[in-house]
């Protein structure tokens, strides 16, 4: 009987470590302990499927997602979109602090934003980040506290808005030109004899 309890204990330990492949086979007697083993095996399968879904959501998100630890002041994880946007490998990203993403002239201002983030738990703004090759990229920056790790981890989502900023700037310029033309037409129509 002690052997079966040891097997169950090892199974639970392996599941807690994320090894969802570890299984314990039921004995031929199919007693209550075997029912527990079968239940824990099913729980392991459910955890495995859940983990696969979460990884797929993280990896295939359109936004660049980075997980930031406020304790170490470094990134602890990033998805493929983040490595593509920033130009750094996943390993290199883990060596960066949040402030390292911003251009030199923005670093001081961003330090206060980061301090505020730790106290309020969520922030959203548009800004520029600097890629590995020094290129400035317009992004929508969203940071929010994750519900685990005792207020240590934040999800940083970056969405490249460079093209939409260009379109917006062109539209503003065109709108100003249109308003100027309307004003000129309006002034001409006031004095048709001139």
Protein backbone atom coordinates (compact mmCIF):
# COMPACT_ATOMS: atom_id res chain seq x y z
CA UNK A 1 0.00 0.00 0.00
CA UNK A 2 2.87 2.40 0.81
CA UNK A 3 4.20 1.88 -2.70
CA UNK A 4 0.88 3.07 -4.18
CA UNK A 5 0.87 6.18 -1.99
CA UNK A 6 4.44 6.90 -3.08
CA UNK A 7 3.35 6.53 -6.72
CA UNK A 8 0.42 8.93 -6.18
CA UNK A 9 2.68 11.40 -4.41
CA UNK A 10 5.19 11.22 -7.27
CA UNK A 11 2.37 11.67 -9.81
CA UNK A 12 1.09 14.79 -8.07
CA UNK A 13 4.63 16.17 -7.79
CA UNK A 14 5.25 15.58 -11.51
CA UNK A 15 1.95 17.29 -12.42
CA UNK A 16 2.89 20.26 -10.22
CA UNK A 17 6.21 20.48 -12.10
CA UNK A 18 4.37 20.52 -15.41
CA UNK A 19 5.19 16.98 -16.46
CA UNK A 20 1.75 16.01 -17.72
CA UNK A 21 3.07 12.89 -19.42
CA UNK A 22 3.81 11.14 -16.10
CA UNK A 23 1.20 8.45 -15.43
CA UNK A 24 0.57 5.79 -12.81
CA UNK A 25 -1.13 2.64 -13.99
CA UNK A 26 -4.01 1.32 -11.90
CA UNK A 27 -3.52 -2.02 -10.17
CA UNK A 28 -5.47 -5.12 -11.05
CA UNK A 29 -7.59 -4.84 -7.90
CA UNK A 30 -9.13 -1.45 -8.94
CA UNK A 31 -9.67 -0.23 -5.42
CA UNK A 32 -10.29 3.32 -4.07
CA UNK A 33 -6.66 4.27 -4.53
CA UNK A 34 -6.93 3.35 -8.20
CA UNK A 35 -9.97 5.62 -8.50
CA UNK A 36 -7.83 8.44 -7.09
CA UNK A 37 -5.04 7.57 -9.54
CA UNK A 38 -7.50 7.60 -12.46
CA UNK A 39 -8.84 10.98 -11.30
CA UNK A 40 -5.37 12.48 -10.99
CA UNK A 41 -4.43 11.07 -14.42
CA UNK A 42 -7.54 12.75 -15.90
CA UNK A 43 -6.62 15.99 -14.13
CA UNK A 44 -3.17 15.76 -15.67
CA UNK A 45 -4.70 15.41 -19.15
CA UNK A 46 -6.94 18.44 -18.54
CA UNK A 47 -3.97 20.48 -17.33
CA UNK A 48 -1.98 19.46 -20.40
CA UNK A 49 -4.77 20.57 -22.78
CA UNK A 50 -5.19 23.83 -20.85
CA UNK A 51 -1.47 24.52 -20.98
CA UNK A 52 -1.38 23.83 -24.73
CA UNK A 53 -4.27 26.28 -25.27
CA UNK A 54 -2.56 28.98 -23.21
CA UNK A 55 0.74 28.53 -25.04
CA UNK A 56 -1.07 28.67 -28.40
CA UNK A 57 -2.88 31.88 -27.41
CA UNK A 58 0.37 33.45 -26.22
CA UNK A 59 2.46 32.38 -29.19
CA UNK A 60 -0.07 33.19 -31.91
CA UNK A 61 -1.26 36.55 -30.60
CA UNK A 62 -0.98 39.36 -33.12
CA UNK A 63 0.44 41.73 -30.50
CA UNK A 64 3.98 41.52 -29.21
CA UNK A 65 3.57 40.17 -25.68
CA UNK A 66 6.26 40.32 -23.04
CA UNK A 67 6.03 39.17 -19.42
CA UNK A 68 7.82 41.57 -17.09
CA UNK A 69 8.91 40.82 -13.52
CA UNK A 70 8.83 43.87 -11.28
CA UNK A 71 11.00 42.01 -8.76
CA UNK A 72 13.92 41.35 -11.12
CA UNK A 73 13.10 44.36 -13.34
CA UNK A 74 13.62 42.10 -16.38
CA UNK A 75 11.46 40.32 -18.91
CA UNK A 76 10.91 36.65 -18.16
CA UNK A 77 9.09 35.61 -21.34
CA UNK A 78 8.10 36.89 -24.78
CA UNK A 79 6.22 35.62 -27.79
CA UNK A 80 7.34 35.36 -31.41
CA UNK A 81 5.65 38.65 -32.33
CA UNK A 82 7.78 40.40 -29.69
CA UNK A 83 11.03 39.02 -31.07
CA UNK A 84 9.98 40.06 -34.59
CA UNK A 85 8.96 43.58 -33.53
CA UNK A 86 11.98 44.26 -31.31
CA UNK A 87 14.59 42.41 -33.37
CA UNK A 88 16.02 40.68 -30.29
CA UNK A 89 16.08 36.95 -29.65
CA UNK A 90 13.94 35.64 -26.78
CA UNK A 91 17.13 35.13 -24.75
CA UNK A 92 18.28 38.71 -25.39
CA UNK A 93 14.86 40.06 -24.39
CA UNK A 94 15.26 38.35 -21.00
CA UNK A 95 18.33 40.53 -20.41
CA UNK A 96 16.40 43.77 -20.99
CA UNK A 97 14.57 45.93 -18.50
CA UNK A 98 11.36 47.67 -19.46
CA UNK A 99 13.16 51.02 -19.70
CA UNK A 100 15.57 49.53 -22.28
CA UNK A 101 12.73 49.45 -24.84
CA UNK A 102 12.51 53.23 -25.04
CA UNK A 103 14.70 55.77 -26.85
CA UNK A 104 17.25 57.67 -24.73
CA UNK A 105 15.22 60.88 -24.64
CA UNK A 106 12.17 58.97 -23.30
CA UNK A 107 13.87 56.86 -20.63
CA UNK A 108 13.52 59.39 -17.78
CA UNK A 109 9.83 59.99 -18.47
CA UNK A 110 9.20 56.26 -18.77
CA UNK A 111 10.77 55.55 -15.38
CA UNK A 112 7.98 57.49 -13.71
CA UNK A 113 5.39 55.66 -15.87
CA UNK A 114 6.85 52.33 -14.73
CA UNK A 115 6.76 53.43 -11.09
CA UNK A 116 3.11 54.42 -11.55
CA UNK A 117 2.40 51.08 -13.22
CA UNK A 118 3.52 49.19 -10.14
CA UNK A 119 1.07 51.12 -7.98
CA UNK A 120 -1.97 51.28 -10.31
CA UNK A 121 -1.66 47.88 -12.00
CA UNK A 122 -2.57 48.93 -15.55
CA UNK A 123 -1.67 51.62 -18.05
CA UNK A 124 -2.20 52.30 -21.75
CA UNK A 125 -0.61 54.93 -23.99
CA UNK A 126 0.95 55.44 -27.41
CA UNK A 127 4.71 55.87 -27.53
CA UNK A 128 7.86 55.01 -29.44
CA UNK A 129 10.15 52.10 -28.74
CA UNK A 130 13.62 51.49 -30.07
CA UNK A 131 14.34 48.21 -31.85
CA UNK A 132 17.65 46.36 -31.72
CA UNK A 133 18.85 48.09 -34.88
CA UNK A 134 18.01 51.53 -33.45
CA UNK A 135 14.84 52.06 -35.48
CA UNK A 136 12.08 54.01 -33.71
CA UNK A 137 8.71 52.30 -33.96
CA UNK A 138 5.35 53.79 -32.97
CA UNK A 139 3.46 51.42 -30.68
CA UNK A 140 0.36 51.23 -28.59
CA UNK A 141 1.67 50.20 -25.16
CA UNK A 142 -0.57 48.29 -22.75
CA UNK A 143 0.69 47.02 -19.43
CA UNK A 144 -1.42 45.18 -16.89
CA UNK A 145 -0.83 43.25 -13.72
CA UNK A 146 -1.20 39.49 -14.13
CA UNK A 147 -3.29 37.61 -11.55
CA UNK A 148 -0.47 35.43 -10.25
CA UNK A 149 2.92 35.82 -8.64
CA UNK A 150 1.85 38.14 -5.79
CA UNK A 151 1.75 41.33 -7.89
CA UNK A 152 5.12 40.61 -9.47
CA UNK A 153 4.31 39.93 -13.13
CA UNK A 154 2.98 42.32 -15.75
CA UNK A 155 1.90 41.56 -19.29
CA UNK A 156 3.29 44.16 -21.68
CA UNK A 157 1.48 44.23 -25.04
CA UNK A 158 2.93 46.22 -27.90
CA UNK A 159 1.00 46.84 -31.11
CA UNK A 160 2.86 48.42 -34.02
CA UNK A 161 0.87 51.52 -35.00
CA UNK A 162 3.47 53.08 -37.30
CA UNK A 163 1.33 52.75 -40.43
CA UNK A 164 -1.85 53.94 -38.73
CA UNK A 165 0.05 56.99 -37.40
CA UNK A 166 1.19 57.78 -40.95
CA UNK A 167 -2.37 57.49 -42.25
CA UNK A 168 -3.65 59.63 -39.38
CA UNK A 169 -1.03 62.31 -40.08
CA UNK A 170 -1.94 62.33 -43.78
CA UNK A 171 -5.64 62.62 -42.94
CA UNK A 172 -5.00 65.52 -40.56
CA UNK A 173 -2.97 67.27 -43.25
CA UNK A 174 -5.66 66.66 -45.87
CA UNK A 175 -8.33 67.89 -43.47
CA UNK A 176 -6.38 71.11 -42.85
CA UNK A 177 -6.04 71.59 -46.63
CA UNK A 178 -9.77 70.99 -47.06
CA UNK A 179 -10.67 73.49 -44.32
CA UNK A 180 -8.36 76.07 -45.90
CA UNK A 181 -9.95 75.51 -49.33
CA UNK A 182 -13.45 75.75 -47.83
CA UNK A 183 -12.52 79.03 -46.14
CA UNK A 184 -11.15 80.41 -49.41
CA UNK A 185 -14.30 79.34 -51.28
CA UNK A 186 -16.46 80.86 -48.56
CA UNK A 187 -14.60 84.18 -48.76
CA UNK A 188 -14.95 84.21 -52.56
CA UNK A 189 -18.69 83.56 -52.40
CA UNK A 190 -19.23 86.51 -50.00
CA UNK A 191 -18.10 88.98 -52.63
CA UNK A 192 -19.06 87.51 -56.02
CA UNK A 193 -18.65 90.88 -57.82
CA UNK A 194 -14.98 91.21 -56.94
